[in-house]
Amino acid sequence: MTRVLITGFAPFDGQEVNPSWQAARLVAAEPPAGLTVTAAELPCVFGESIDTLRDAVRASTPDLILCLGQAGGRPSVTVERVAINIDDARIPDNAGNQPIDEPVVPGGPAAYFSTLPVKACVAALRAAGVPAAVSHTAGTFVCNHVAYGLGHLIATELPCARGGFVHVPWAPEQVLDGTAPALEPATVAGGLRALLVTAAGTPAEHDLKVTEGATH
């Protein structure tokens, strides 16, 4: 039985919900066969979010870690390929912090690649009927902060674990005027279950050899 930790964020920037946490809870409530799934909510706060992630990892001893975040405006579920060692906050986090051009981990590598098979994960999402794509930037806010923090945890403290970061679109209740794309958290959760099954059974080095690149 593969042990999975899935995380989502608390609401931020004046929102009442965060679809990443909505989807994470749904996956944990009905995990796919062969997986045990624990969900943890992370604060949308620099520093504290990584501390909370580390505590959740220690409590659940997962084999696989999937961190989720909200990417308002993106039309699909996006599997992040890379996280960079920079915090550059356009807006304050939930504690009022707004770091500019500061490293996530002083002295750490410039970037960490996901240790999930990102292209196979995208294919699994699409096969489940969920629009999906590979993303080559997780931004420079708390999502990238956690994605990089996860990569650093795996590299320095969790040699037997694998993990990565996935962004999800706004939930419909966040865009009632219909001016931006949205997906129901239940739909996202269904795709994430397929993603987790694929990730659990596919080492990153055996990822699909298909194009998912970008020209800009």
N, C-alpha and C. Protein backbone atom coordinates (compact mmCIF):
# COMPACT_ATOMS: atom_id res chain seq x y z
N MET A 1 0.85 -1.20 0.00
CA MET A 1 0.00 0.00 0.00
C MET A 1 0.88 1.25 0.00
N THR A 2 0.72 2.09 -0.99
CA THR A 2 1.50 3.33 -1.09
C THR A 2 0.88 4.40 -0.22
N ARG A 3 1.71 5.01 0.62
CA ARG A 3 1.26 6.09 1.49
C ARG A 3 1.43 7.43 0.78
N VAL A 4 0.35 8.20 0.72
CA VAL A 4 0.35 9.47 0.01
C VAL A 4 0.00 10.60 0.98
N LEU A 5 0.74 11.68 0.88
CA LEU A 5 0.37 12.93 1.55
C LEU A 5 -0.02 13.92 0.46
N ILE A 6 -1.22 14.47 0.58
CA ILE A 6 -1.68 15.49 -0.36
C ILE A 6 -1.98 16.76 0.43
N THR A 7 -1.50 17.89 -0.06
CA THR A 7 -1.71 19.14 0.67
C THR A 7 -2.39 20.17 -0.23
N GLY A 8 -3.11 21.08 0.41
CA GLY A 8 -3.69 22.23 -0.26
C GLY A 8 -3.50 23.44 0.64
N PHE A 9 -3.81 24.60 0.09
CA PHE A 9 -3.59 25.84 0.84
C PHE A 9 -4.88 26.39 1.43
N ALA A 10 -4.72 27.14 2.52
CA ALA A 10 -5.83 27.94 3.05
C ALA A 10 -6.15 29.06 2.05
N PRO A 11 -7.36 29.62 2.11
CA PRO A 11 -7.71 30.74 1.23
C PRO A 11 -6.76 31.93 1.45
N PHE A 12 -6.58 32.72 0.40
CA PHE A 12 -5.71 33.89 0.50
C PHE A 12 -6.23 34.99 -0.43
N ASP A 13 -5.66 36.16 -0.30
CA ASP A 13 -5.97 37.31 -1.15
C ASP A 13 -7.47 37.64 -1.13
N GLY A 14 -8.09 37.52 0.04
CA GLY A 14 -9.48 37.90 0.20
C GLY A 14 -10.50 36.86 -0.22
N GLN A 15 -10.04 35.69 -0.68
CA GLN A 15 -10.96 34.63 -1.10
C GLN A 15 -11.51 33.89 0.12
N GLU A 16 -12.69 33.30 -0.04
CA GLU A 16 -13.29 32.54 1.06
C GLU A 16 -12.95 31.05 0.98
N VAL A 17 -12.53 30.59 -0.18
CA VAL A 17 -12.17 29.17 -0.35
C VAL A 17 -10.87 29.10 -1.13
N ASN A 18 -10.25 27.94 -1.07
CA ASN A 18 -9.11 27.65 -1.91
C ASN A 18 -9.35 26.28 -2.54
N PRO A 19 -9.49 26.22 -3.86
CA PRO A 19 -9.83 24.94 -4.50
C PRO A 19 -8.77 23.87 -4.33
N SER A 20 -7.54 24.27 -4.04
CA SER A 20 -6.52 23.25 -3.81
C SER A 20 -6.83 22.45 -2.56
N TRP A 21 -7.27 23.10 -1.51
CA TRP A 21 -7.63 22.39 -0.28
C TRP A 21 -8.96 21.65 -0.46
N GLN A 22 -9.89 22.23 -1.20
CA GLN A 22 -11.15 21.53 -1.48
C GLN A 22 -10.86 20.20 -2.18
N ALA A 23 -10.02 20.23 -3.19
CA ALA A 23 -9.71 19.01 -3.95
C ALA A 23 -8.91 18.02 -3.10
N ALA A 24 -7.97 18.51 -2.32
CA ALA A 24 -7.16 17.62 -1.48
C ALA A 24 -8.03 16.84 -0.51
N ARG A 25 -8.98 17.52 0.13
CA ARG A 25 -9.87 16.85 1.08
C ARG A 25 -10.71 15.79 0.39
N LEU A 26 -11.18 16.07 -0.82
CA LEU A 26 -12.00 15.11 -1.55
C LEU A 26 -11.21 13.87 -1.90
N VAL A 27 -9.96 14.05 -2.32
CA VAL A 27 -9.13 12.89 -2.65
C VAL A 27 -8.88 12.03 -1.41
N ALA A 28 -8.57 12.68 -0.29
CA ALA A 28 -8.31 11.93 0.94
C ALA A 28 -9.55 11.21 1.44
N ALA A 29 -10.73 11.81 1.21
CA ALA A 29 -11.97 11.19 1.67
C ALA A 29 -12.32 9.94 0.86
N GLU A 30 -11.92 9.92 -0.41
CA GLU A 30 -12.17 8.76 -1.27
C GLU A 30 -10.90 8.45 -2.06
N PRO A 31 -9.92 7.83 -1.43
CA PRO A 31 -8.66 7.57 -2.12
C PRO A 31 -8.79 6.45 -3.15
N PRO A 32 -7.94 6.47 -4.16
CA PRO A 32 -7.96 5.37 -5.13
C PRO A 32 -7.47 4.08 -4.50
N ALA A 33 -7.87 2.97 -5.10
CA ALA A 33 -7.47 1.66 -4.60
C ALA A 33 -5.95 1.54 -4.59
N GLY A 34 -5.44 0.95 -3.53
CA GLY A 34 -4.01 0.71 -3.42
C GLY A 34 -3.24 1.85 -2.78
N LEU A 35 -3.92 2.95 -2.47
CA LEU A 35 -3.26 4.10 -1.86
C LEU A 35 -3.95 4.48 -0.56
N THR A 36 -3.17 4.84 0.43
CA THR A 36 -3.72 5.49 1.62
C THR A 36 -3.34 6.96 1.52
N VAL A 37 -4.32 7.84 1.70
CA VAL A 37 -4.09 9.26 1.45
C VAL A 37 -4.40 10.08 2.69
N THR A 38 -3.45 10.87 3.11
CA THR A 38 -3.61 11.82 4.21
C THR A 38 -3.58 13.22 3.63
N ALA A 39 -4.50 14.07 4.07
CA ALA A 39 -4.55 15.45 3.59
C ALA A 39 -4.12 16.40 4.69
N ALA A 40 -3.41 17.46 4.30
CA ALA A 40 -2.98 18.49 5.24
C ALA A 40 -3.16 19.85 4.59
N GLU A 41 -3.70 20.80 5.36
CA GLU A 41 -3.87 22.16 4.87
C GLU A 41 -2.65 22.99 5.27
N LEU A 42 -2.07 23.68 4.30
CA LEU A 42 -0.92 24.53 4.56
C LEU A 42 -1.35 25.98 4.64
N PRO A 43 -0.76 26.75 5.54
CA PRO A 43 -1.05 28.18 5.59
C PRO A 43 -0.42 28.88 4.39
N CYS A 44 -1.07 29.90 3.89
CA CYS A 44 -0.51 30.67 2.77
C CYS A 44 0.43 31.72 3.36
N VAL A 45 1.53 31.24 3.93
CA VAL A 45 2.49 32.08 4.63
C VAL A 45 3.89 31.57 4.32
N PHE A 46 4.75 32.47 3.89
CA PHE A 46 6.14 32.09 3.65
C PHE A 46 6.76 31.53 4.93
N GLY A 47 7.57 30.50 4.79
CA GLY A 47 8.24 29.90 5.94
C GLY A 47 7.34 28.94 6.69
N GLU A 48 6.25 29.44 7.23
CA GLU A 48 5.34 28.60 8.01
C GLU A 48 4.77 27.47 7.17
N SER A 49 4.54 27.74 5.89
CA SER A 49 3.97 26.70 5.01
C SER A 49 4.91 25.50 4.90
N ILE A 50 6.21 25.76 4.77
CA ILE A 50 7.17 24.65 4.68
C ILE A 50 7.29 23.94 6.02
N ASP A 51 7.24 24.68 7.11
CA ASP A 51 7.27 24.05 8.43
C ASP A 51 6.08 23.11 8.62
N THR A 52 4.90 23.56 8.19
CA THR A 52 3.70 22.73 8.31
C THR A 52 3.80 21.51 7.42
N LEU A 53 4.35 21.68 6.22
CA LEU A 53 4.57 20.54 5.32
C LEU A 53 5.51 19.53 5.97
N ARG A 54 6.60 20.00 6.55
CA ARG A 54 7.54 19.09 7.20
C ARG A 54 6.87 18.33 8.34
N ASP A 55 6.06 19.01 9.13
CA ASP A 55 5.35 18.34 10.22
C ASP A 55 4.40 17.26 9.68
N ALA A 56 3.70 17.57 8.59
CA ALA A 56 2.77 16.61 8.01
C ALA A 56 3.51 15.40 7.45
N VAL A 57 4.68 15.63 6.87
CA VAL A 57 5.49 14.53 6.36
C VAL A 57 5.95 13.63 7.50
N ARG A 58 6.39 14.23 8.58
CA ARG A 58 6.85 13.43 9.71
C ARG A 58 5.72 12.63 10.34
N ALA A 59 4.51 13.19 10.32
CA ALA A 59 3.37 12.50 10.92
C ALA A 59 2.85 11.36 10.05
N SER A 60 2.97 11.49 8.73
CA SER A 60 2.35 10.50 7.84
C SER A 60 3.35 9.58 7.14
N THR A 61 4.65 9.88 7.22
CA THR A 61 5.71 9.10 6.57
C THR A 61 5.31 8.63 5.17
N PRO A 62 5.05 9.56 4.26
CA PRO A 62 4.54 9.18 2.94
C PRO A 62 5.63 8.67 2.00
N ASP A 63 5.19 7.85 1.04
CA ASP A 63 6.04 7.45 -0.07
C ASP A 63 5.95 8.46 -1.21
N LEU A 64 4.79 9.12 -1.29
CA LEU A 64 4.50 10.04 -2.37
C LEU A 64 3.86 11.30 -1.79
N ILE A 65 4.32 12.46 -2.23
CA ILE A 65 3.81 13.74 -1.72
C ILE A 65 3.34 14.58 -2.89
N LEU A 66 2.09 15.01 -2.84
CA LEU A 66 1.53 15.87 -3.88
C LEU A 66 1.03 17.14 -3.23
N CYS A 67 1.68 18.25 -3.54
CA CYS A 67 1.24 19.55 -3.01
C CYS A 67 0.44 20.27 -4.08
N LEU A 68 -0.68 20.85 -3.68
CA LEU A 68 -1.57 21.54 -4.60
C LEU A 68 -1.62 23.02 -4.27
N GLY A 69 -1.85 23.84 -5.28
CA GLY A 69 -2.03 25.26 -5.09
C GLY A 69 -3.02 25.82 -6.09
N GLN A 70 -3.53 26.98 -5.82
CA GLN A 70 -4.49 27.66 -6.68
C GLN A 70 -3.76 28.51 -7.72
N ALA A 71 -4.17 28.38 -8.97
CA ALA A 71 -3.63 29.23 -10.05
C ALA A 71 -4.81 29.86 -10.77
N GLY A 72 -5.34 30.92 -10.18
CA GLY A 72 -6.48 31.59 -10.77
C GLY A 72 -6.16 32.11 -12.16
N GLY A 73 -7.03 31.83 -13.12
CA GLY A 73 -6.82 32.25 -14.49
C GLY A 73 -6.33 31.14 -15.40
N ARG A 74 -5.68 30.13 -14.84
CA ARG A 74 -5.28 28.99 -15.67
C ARG A 74 -6.51 28.15 -15.99
N PRO A 75 -6.61 27.67 -17.24
CA PRO A 75 -7.81 26.93 -17.63
C PRO A 75 -7.76 25.45 -17.33
N SER A 76 -6.61 24.94 -16.89
CA SER A 76 -6.46 23.50 -16.70
C SER A 76 -5.65 23.21 -15.45
N VAL A 77 -5.67 21.94 -15.07
CA VAL A 77 -4.80 21.48 -13.99
C VAL A 77 -3.38 21.40 -14.55
N THR A 78 -2.44 22.03 -13.90
CA THR A 78 -1.09 22.09 -14.44
C THR A 78 -0.09 21.42 -13.50
N VAL A 79 0.64 20.48 -14.03
CA VAL A 79 1.64 19.74 -13.28
C VAL A 79 2.97 20.48 -13.43
N GLU A 80 3.51 20.94 -12.32
CA GLU A 80 4.72 21.75 -12.36
C GLU A 80 5.96 20.88 -12.57
N ARG A 81 6.79 21.31 -13.51
CA ARG A 81 8.03 20.59 -13.79
C ARG A 81 9.16 21.02 -12.87
N VAL A 82 9.17 22.32 -12.46
CA VAL A 82 10.34 22.85 -11.77
C VAL A 82 9.92 23.93 -10.78
N ALA A 83 10.66 24.04 -9.70
CA ALA A 83 10.49 25.12 -8.72
C ALA A 83 11.83 25.82 -8.55
N ILE A 84 11.80 27.15 -8.41
CA ILE A 84 13.05 27.91 -8.34
C ILE A 84 13.27 28.49 -6.95
N ASN A 85 14.53 28.75 -6.64
CA ASN A 85 14.92 29.19 -5.30
C ASN A 85 14.79 30.71 -5.16
N ILE A 86 13.57 31.18 -5.27
CA ILE A 86 13.34 32.62 -5.14
C ILE A 86 11.94 32.90 -4.60
N ASP A 87 11.85 33.81 -3.68
CA ASP A 87 10.58 34.37 -3.21
C ASP A 87 10.52 35.81 -3.71
N ASP A 88 9.50 36.13 -4.49
CA ASP A 88 9.33 37.48 -5.02
C ASP A 88 7.83 37.75 -5.06
N ALA A 89 7.29 38.23 -3.95
CA ALA A 89 5.85 38.28 -3.73
C ALA A 89 5.23 39.54 -4.31
N ARG A 90 4.31 39.37 -5.25
CA ARG A 90 3.58 40.50 -5.81
C ARG A 90 2.59 41.06 -4.81
N ILE A 91 2.05 40.18 -3.94
CA ILE A 91 1.11 40.57 -2.90
C ILE A 91 1.60 39.99 -1.58
N PRO A 92 1.15 40.53 -0.45
CA PRO A 92 1.54 39.94 0.84
C PRO A 92 0.89 38.57 1.05
N ASP A 93 1.54 37.73 1.83
CA ASP A 93 0.92 36.47 2.22
C ASP A 93 -0.08 36.73 3.34
N ASN A 94 -0.66 35.68 3.88
CA ASN A 94 -1.71 35.85 4.89
C ASN A 94 -1.20 36.41 6.22
N ALA A 95 0.10 36.47 6.40
CA ALA A 95 0.68 37.07 7.61
C ALA A 95 1.25 38.46 7.33
N GLY A 96 1.05 38.95 6.11
CA GLY A 96 1.55 40.28 5.77
C GLY A 96 2.98 40.31 5.26
N ASN A 97 3.60 39.13 5.10
CA ASN A 97 4.97 39.08 4.60
C ASN A 97 4.99 39.30 3.08
N GLN A 98 5.96 40.02 2.60
CA GLN A 98 6.10 40.25 1.17
C GLN A 98 7.58 40.26 0.79
N PRO A 99 8.22 39.08 0.84
CA PRO A 99 9.64 39.03 0.49
C PRO A 99 9.86 39.35 -0.98
N ILE A 100 10.96 40.02 -1.24
CA ILE A 100 11.32 40.39 -2.61
C ILE A 100 12.74 39.93 -2.88
N ASP A 101 12.89 39.08 -3.90
CA ASP A 101 14.20 38.60 -4.33
C ASP A 101 14.98 37.95 -3.20
N GLU A 102 14.28 37.13 -2.41
CA GLU A 102 14.94 36.38 -1.34
C GLU A 102 14.91 34.89 -1.66
N PRO A 103 15.96 34.14 -1.30
CA PRO A 103 15.95 32.70 -1.57
C PRO A 103 14.97 31.97 -0.66
N VAL A 104 14.40 30.90 -1.18
CA VAL A 104 13.60 30.02 -0.33
C VAL A 104 14.50 29.34 0.69
N VAL A 105 15.62 28.83 0.21
CA VAL A 105 16.63 28.19 1.06
C VAL A 105 17.98 28.84 0.76
N PRO A 106 18.50 29.66 1.65
CA PRO A 106 19.80 30.29 1.40
C PRO A 106 20.87 29.25 1.11
N GLY A 107 21.58 29.43 0.02
CA GLY A 107 22.63 28.50 -0.35
C GLY A 107 22.14 27.26 -1.05
N GLY A 108 20.82 27.13 -1.24
CA GLY A 108 20.27 25.95 -1.91
C GLY A 108 20.49 26.00 -3.40
N PRO A 109 20.24 24.89 -4.10
CA PRO A 109 20.36 24.87 -5.55
C PRO A 109 19.42 25.89 -6.20
N ALA A 110 19.73 26.29 -7.42
CA ALA A 110 18.90 27.26 -8.13
C ALA A 110 17.48 26.75 -8.33
N ALA A 111 17.33 25.44 -8.49
CA ALA A 111 16.00 24.88 -8.78
C ALA A 111 15.96 23.41 -8.40
N TYR A 112 14.75 22.91 -8.25
CA TYR A 112 14.50 21.48 -8.09
C TYR A 112 13.46 21.05 -9.12
N PHE A 113 13.75 19.96 -9.81
CA PHE A 113 12.76 19.37 -10.70
C PHE A 113 11.85 18.44 -9.91
N SER A 114 10.62 18.33 -10.36
CA SER A 114 9.69 17.37 -9.78
C SER A 114 10.27 15.97 -9.88
N THR A 115 10.02 15.15 -8.90
CA THR A 115 10.42 13.75 -8.96
C THR A 115 9.24 12.85 -9.32
N LEU A 116 8.18 13.47 -9.84
CA LEU A 116 7.06 12.73 -10.41
C LEU A 116 7.21 12.65 -11.92
N PRO A 117 6.58 11.68 -12.56
CA PRO A 117 6.59 11.61 -14.03
C PRO A 117 5.58 12.63 -14.57
N VAL A 118 6.01 13.85 -14.78
CA VAL A 118 5.07 14.95 -15.02
C VAL A 118 4.23 14.74 -16.28
N LYS A 119 4.82 14.21 -17.34
CA LYS A 119 4.06 14.03 -18.57
C LYS A 119 3.08 12.87 -18.46
N ALA A 120 3.47 11.81 -17.78
CA ALA A 120 2.53 10.70 -17.55
C ALA A 120 1.38 11.16 -16.65
N CYS A 121 1.69 12.05 -15.70
CA CYS A 121 0.64 12.59 -14.82
C CYS A 121 -0.36 13.42 -15.63
N VAL A 122 0.13 14.23 -16.55
CA VAL A 122 -0.75 15.01 -17.41
C VAL A 122 -1.61 14.09 -18.26
N ALA A 123 -1.02 13.04 -18.81
CA ALA A 123 -1.79 12.09 -19.62
C ALA A 123 -2.88 11.42 -18.79
N ALA A 124 -2.58 11.10 -17.53
CA ALA A 124 -3.57 10.47 -16.66
C ALA A 124 -4.73 11.41 -16.38
N LEU A 125 -4.42 12.68 -16.15
CA LEU A 125 -5.49 13.67 -15.93
C LEU A 125 -6.38 13.78 -17.15
N ARG A 126 -5.78 13.87 -18.32
CA ARG A 126 -6.57 13.98 -19.55
C ARG A 126 -7.42 12.74 -19.79
N ALA A 127 -6.85 11.57 -19.50
CA ALA A 127 -7.61 10.33 -19.68
C ALA A 127 -8.81 10.28 -18.75
N ALA A 128 -8.71 10.97 -17.61
CA ALA A 128 -9.83 11.04 -16.66
C ALA A 128 -10.82 12.15 -17.03
N GLY A 129 -10.59 12.82 -18.15
CA GLY A 129 -11.51 13.85 -18.60
C GLY A 129 -11.25 15.23 -18.03
N VAL A 130 -10.06 15.44 -17.49
CA VAL A 130 -9.72 16.72 -16.87
C VAL A 130 -8.70 17.45 -17.74
N PRO A 131 -8.96 18.69 -18.14
CA PRO A 131 -7.97 19.42 -18.92
C PRO A 131 -6.68 19.60 -18.13
N ALA A 132 -5.55 19.35 -18.78
CA ALA A 132 -4.28 19.35 -18.05
C ALA A 132 -3.14 19.73 -18.97
N ALA A 133 -2.06 20.20 -18.35
CA ALA A 133 -0.86 20.57 -19.10
C ALA A 133 0.33 20.54 -18.17
N VAL A 134 1.53 20.43 -18.75
CA VAL A 134 2.76 20.64 -18.00
C VAL A 134 2.98 22.14 -17.87
N SER A 135 3.36 22.58 -16.69
CA SER A 135 3.72 23.98 -16.47
C SER A 135 5.21 24.08 -16.17
N HIS A 136 5.83 25.14 -16.69
CA HIS A 136 7.25 25.32 -16.48
C HIS A 136 7.55 26.47 -15.53
N THR A 137 6.52 26.97 -14.87
CA THR A 137 6.72 27.96 -13.81
C THR A 137 5.64 27.83 -12.76
N ALA A 138 6.06 27.76 -11.51
CA ALA A 138 5.11 27.73 -10.39
C ALA A 138 4.95 29.11 -9.78
N GLY A 139 5.42 30.17 -10.51
CA GLY A 139 5.35 31.52 -9.99
C GLY A 139 6.48 31.79 -9.01
N THR A 140 6.29 32.84 -8.22
CA THR A 140 7.30 33.19 -7.20
C THR A 140 6.64 33.53 -5.86
N PHE A 141 5.39 33.06 -5.70
CA PHE A 141 4.65 33.31 -4.46
C PHE A 141 4.75 32.06 -3.57
N VAL A 142 3.80 31.83 -2.70
CA VAL A 142 3.92 30.75 -1.71
C VAL A 142 3.83 29.37 -2.37
N CYS A 143 3.17 29.27 -3.52
CA CYS A 143 3.12 27.97 -4.21
C CYS A 143 4.52 27.52 -4.61
N ASN A 144 5.26 28.39 -5.29
CA ASN A 144 6.63 28.03 -5.65
C ASN A 144 7.48 27.82 -4.40
N HIS A 145 7.24 28.63 -3.37
CA HIS A 145 7.95 28.48 -2.09
C HIS A 145 7.80 27.05 -1.56
N VAL A 146 6.58 26.54 -1.57
CA VAL A 146 6.33 25.18 -1.08
C VAL A 146 6.87 24.14 -2.06
N ALA A 147 6.71 24.39 -3.35
CA ALA A 147 7.22 23.44 -4.34
C ALA A 147 8.73 23.29 -4.19
N TYR A 148 9.43 24.41 -4.02
CA TYR A 148 10.88 24.33 -3.81
C TYR A 148 11.19 23.69 -2.46
N GLY A 149 10.44 24.08 -1.43
CA GLY A 149 10.65 23.49 -0.11
C GLY A 149 10.46 21.98 -0.12
N LEU A 150 9.46 21.52 -0.88
CA LEU A 150 9.25 20.08 -1.01
C LEU A 150 10.45 19.43 -1.69
N GLY A 151 10.92 20.03 -2.77
CA GLY A 151 12.09 19.47 -3.45
C GLY A 151 13.29 19.41 -2.53
N HIS A 152 13.47 20.43 -1.71
CA HIS A 152 14.60 20.45 -0.78
C HIS A 152 14.44 19.38 0.31
N LEU A 153 13.22 19.21 0.80
CA LEU A 153 12.97 18.16 1.80
C LEU A 153 13.30 16.78 1.23
N ILE A 154 12.85 16.52 0.00
CA ILE A 154 13.10 15.23 -0.62
C ILE A 154 14.60 15.02 -0.81
N ALA A 155 15.29 16.06 -1.26
CA ALA A 155 16.72 15.94 -1.55
C ALA A 155 17.56 15.78 -0.30
N THR A 156 17.13 16.37 0.81
CA THR A 156 17.99 16.41 2.00
C THR A 156 17.50 15.54 3.16
N GLU A 157 16.21 15.23 3.20
CA GLU A 157 15.67 14.51 4.36
C GLU A 157 14.86 13.27 4.01
N LEU A 158 14.41 13.15 2.76
CA LEU A 158 13.46 12.09 2.41
C LEU A 158 13.95 11.33 1.18
N PRO A 159 15.05 10.62 1.28
CA PRO A 159 15.63 9.98 0.09
C PRO A 159 14.74 8.92 -0.53
N CYS A 160 13.78 8.38 0.21
CA CYS A 160 12.93 7.32 -0.32
C CYS A 160 11.58 7.83 -0.82
N ALA A 161 11.33 9.13 -0.68
CA ALA A 161 10.04 9.69 -1.10
C ALA A 161 10.17 10.38 -2.45
N ARG A 162 9.03 10.50 -3.13
CA ARG A 162 8.96 11.26 -4.37
C ARG A 162 7.83 12.27 -4.23
N GLY A 163 7.89 13.35 -5.01
CA GLY A 163 6.82 14.32 -4.89
C GLY A 163 6.89 15.41 -5.93
N GLY A 164 5.84 16.21 -5.95
CA GLY A 164 5.77 17.31 -6.88
C GLY A 164 4.61 18.23 -6.56
N PHE A 165 4.46 19.25 -7.38
CA PHE A 165 3.46 20.29 -7.15
C PHE A 165 2.53 20.37 -8.35
N VAL A 166 1.24 20.60 -8.05
CA VAL A 166 0.21 20.74 -9.09
C VAL A 166 -0.63 21.96 -8.79
N HIS A 167 -0.86 22.79 -9.81
CA HIS A 167 -1.76 23.93 -9.69
C HIS A 167 -3.14 23.58 -10.22
N VAL A 168 -4.17 24.09 -9.55
CA VAL A 168 -5.54 23.85 -9.99
C VAL A 168 -6.22 25.19 -10.25
N PRO A 169 -7.18 25.22 -11.19
CA PRO A 169 -7.88 26.48 -11.49
C PRO A 169 -8.81 26.90 -10.36
N TRP A 170 -9.33 28.11 -10.50
CA TRP A 170 -10.36 28.57 -9.59
C TRP A 170 -11.56 27.61 -9.58
N ALA A 171 -12.25 27.56 -8.46
CA ALA A 171 -13.53 26.87 -8.37
C ALA A 171 -14.61 27.79 -8.95
N PRO A 172 -15.72 27.23 -9.47
CA PRO A 172 -16.77 28.07 -10.05
C PRO A 172 -17.30 29.14 -9.11
N GLU A 173 -17.35 28.86 -7.82
CA GLU A 173 -17.88 29.84 -6.88
C GLU A 173 -16.99 31.07 -6.75
N GLN A 174 -15.75 30.98 -7.27
CA GLN A 174 -14.84 32.12 -7.21
C GLN A 174 -14.96 33.04 -8.43
N VAL A 175 -15.64 32.57 -9.46
CA VAL A 175 -15.79 33.37 -10.69
C VAL A 175 -17.24 33.32 -11.15
N LEU A 176 -18.12 33.82 -10.30
CA LEU A 176 -19.55 33.76 -10.60
C LEU A 176 -19.92 34.59 -11.82
N ASP A 177 -19.08 35.55 -12.18
CA ASP A 177 -19.39 36.36 -13.36
C ASP A 177 -18.93 35.69 -14.66
N GLY A 178 -18.28 34.54 -14.54
CA GLY A 178 -17.88 33.78 -15.72
C GLY A 178 -16.78 34.40 -16.55
N THR A 179 -16.02 35.31 -15.98
CA THR A 179 -14.99 36.00 -16.74
C THR A 179 -13.64 35.29 -16.74
N ALA A 180 -13.55 34.16 -16.04
CA ALA A 180 -12.30 33.41 -15.99
C ALA A 180 -12.63 31.91 -15.96
N PRO A 181 -11.71 31.08 -16.42
CA PRO A 181 -11.96 29.64 -16.40
C PRO A 181 -12.03 29.09 -14.99
N ALA A 182 -12.80 28.02 -14.81
CA ALA A 182 -12.96 27.41 -13.49
C ALA A 182 -13.25 25.92 -13.67
N LEU A 183 -12.93 25.14 -12.65
CA LEU A 183 -13.24 23.72 -12.62
C LEU A 183 -13.81 23.36 -11.26
N GLU A 184 -14.80 22.48 -11.24
CA GLU A 184 -15.34 22.00 -9.98
C GLU A 184 -14.26 21.21 -9.23
N PRO A 185 -14.10 21.46 -7.93
CA PRO A 185 -13.12 20.69 -7.16
C PRO A 185 -13.33 19.19 -7.24
N ALA A 186 -14.58 18.75 -7.37
CA ALA A 186 -14.84 17.31 -7.49
C ALA A 186 -14.27 16.77 -8.80
N THR A 187 -14.35 17.55 -9.87
CA THR A 187 -13.76 17.15 -11.14
C THR A 187 -12.25 17.08 -11.03
N VAL A 188 -11.67 18.10 -10.39
CA VAL A 188 -10.23 18.12 -10.17
C VAL A 188 -9.80 16.90 -9.35
N ALA A 189 -10.55 16.60 -8.30
CA ALA A 189 -10.21 15.47 -7.43
C ALA A 189 -10.23 14.16 -8.20
N GLY A 190 -11.20 14.00 -9.10
CA GLY A 190 -11.24 12.78 -9.91
C GLY A 190 -9.99 12.62 -10.75
N GLY A 191 -9.53 13.72 -11.34
CA GLY A 191 -8.30 13.66 -12.11
C GLY A 191 -7.09 13.41 -11.24
N LEU A 192 -7.07 13.99 -10.06
CA LEU A 192 -5.93 13.79 -9.17
C LEU A 192 -5.82 12.35 -8.69
N ARG A 193 -6.94 11.68 -8.53
CA ARG A 193 -6.88 10.26 -8.16
C ARG A 193 -6.16 9.46 -9.26
N ALA A 194 -6.50 9.76 -10.52
CA ALA A 194 -5.83 9.08 -11.63
C ALA A 194 -4.35 9.45 -11.67
N LEU A 195 -4.04 10.71 -11.41
CA LEU A 195 -2.65 11.16 -11.37
C LEU A 195 -1.87 10.40 -10.32
N LEU A 196 -2.44 10.25 -9.13
CA LEU A 196 -1.73 9.59 -8.04
C LEU A 196 -1.45 8.12 -8.35
N VAL A 197 -2.42 7.45 -8.94
CA VAL A 197 -2.22 6.05 -9.32
C VAL A 197 -1.06 5.94 -10.32
N THR A 198 -1.05 6.84 -11.30
CA THR A 198 0.02 6.84 -12.29
C THR A 198 1.36 7.18 -11.65
N ALA A 199 1.38 8.20 -10.80
CA ALA A 199 2.62 8.61 -10.16
C ALA A 199 3.18 7.51 -9.26
N ALA A 200 2.29 6.81 -8.56
CA ALA A 200 2.74 5.75 -7.66
C ALA A 200 3.37 4.59 -8.43
N GLY A 201 2.91 4.37 -9.65
CA GLY A 201 3.40 3.22 -10.41
C GLY A 201 4.42 3.54 -11.48
N THR A 202 4.82 4.82 -11.59
CA THR A 202 5.71 5.22 -12.68
C THR A 202 6.86 6.07 -12.13
N PRO A 203 8.07 5.55 -12.08
CA PRO A 203 9.22 6.38 -11.67
C PRO A 203 9.41 7.53 -12.65
N ALA A 204 9.94 8.64 -12.16
CA ALA A 204 10.15 9.81 -13.00
C ALA A 204 11.02 9.50 -14.21
N GLU A 205 11.99 8.60 -14.04
CA GLU A 205 12.89 8.29 -15.14
C GLU A 205 12.20 7.47 -16.24
N HIS A 206 11.00 6.99 -15.97
CA HIS A 206 10.22 6.25 -16.97
C HIS A 206 9.06 7.08 -17.49
N ASP A 207 9.18 8.38 -17.43
CA ASP A 207 8.12 9.27 -17.89
C ASP A 207 7.92 9.10 -19.39
N LEU A 208 6.74 9.53 -19.85
CA LEU A 208 6.43 9.50 -21.27
C LEU A 208 7.38 10.41 -22.05
N LYS A 209 7.78 9.96 -23.22
CA LYS A 209 8.64 10.76 -24.08
C LYS A 209 7.76 11.42 -25.14
N VAL A 210 7.01 12.41 -24.70
CA VAL A 210 6.11 13.15 -25.60
C VAL A 210 6.35 14.63 -25.38
N THR A 211 6.00 15.44 -26.39
CA THR A 211 6.24 16.86 -26.26
C THR A 211 5.18 17.51 -25.39
N GLU A 212 5.63 18.28 -24.42
CA GLU A 212 4.77 19.12 -23.60
C GLU A 212 5.48 20.44 -23.34
N GLY A 213 6.36 20.81 -24.25
CA GLY A 213 7.16 22.00 -24.08
C GLY A 213 6.40 23.27 -24.43
N ALA A 214 7.10 24.40 -24.31
CA ALA A 214 6.50 25.69 -24.58
C ALA A 214 7.49 26.54 -25.36
N THR A 215 6.96 27.44 -26.19
CA THR A 215 7.82 28.32 -26.97
C THR A 215 8.06 29.66 -26.28
N HIS A 216 7.32 29.94 -25.21
CA HIS A 216 7.52 31.19 -24.49
C HIS A 216 6.98 31.06 -23.08
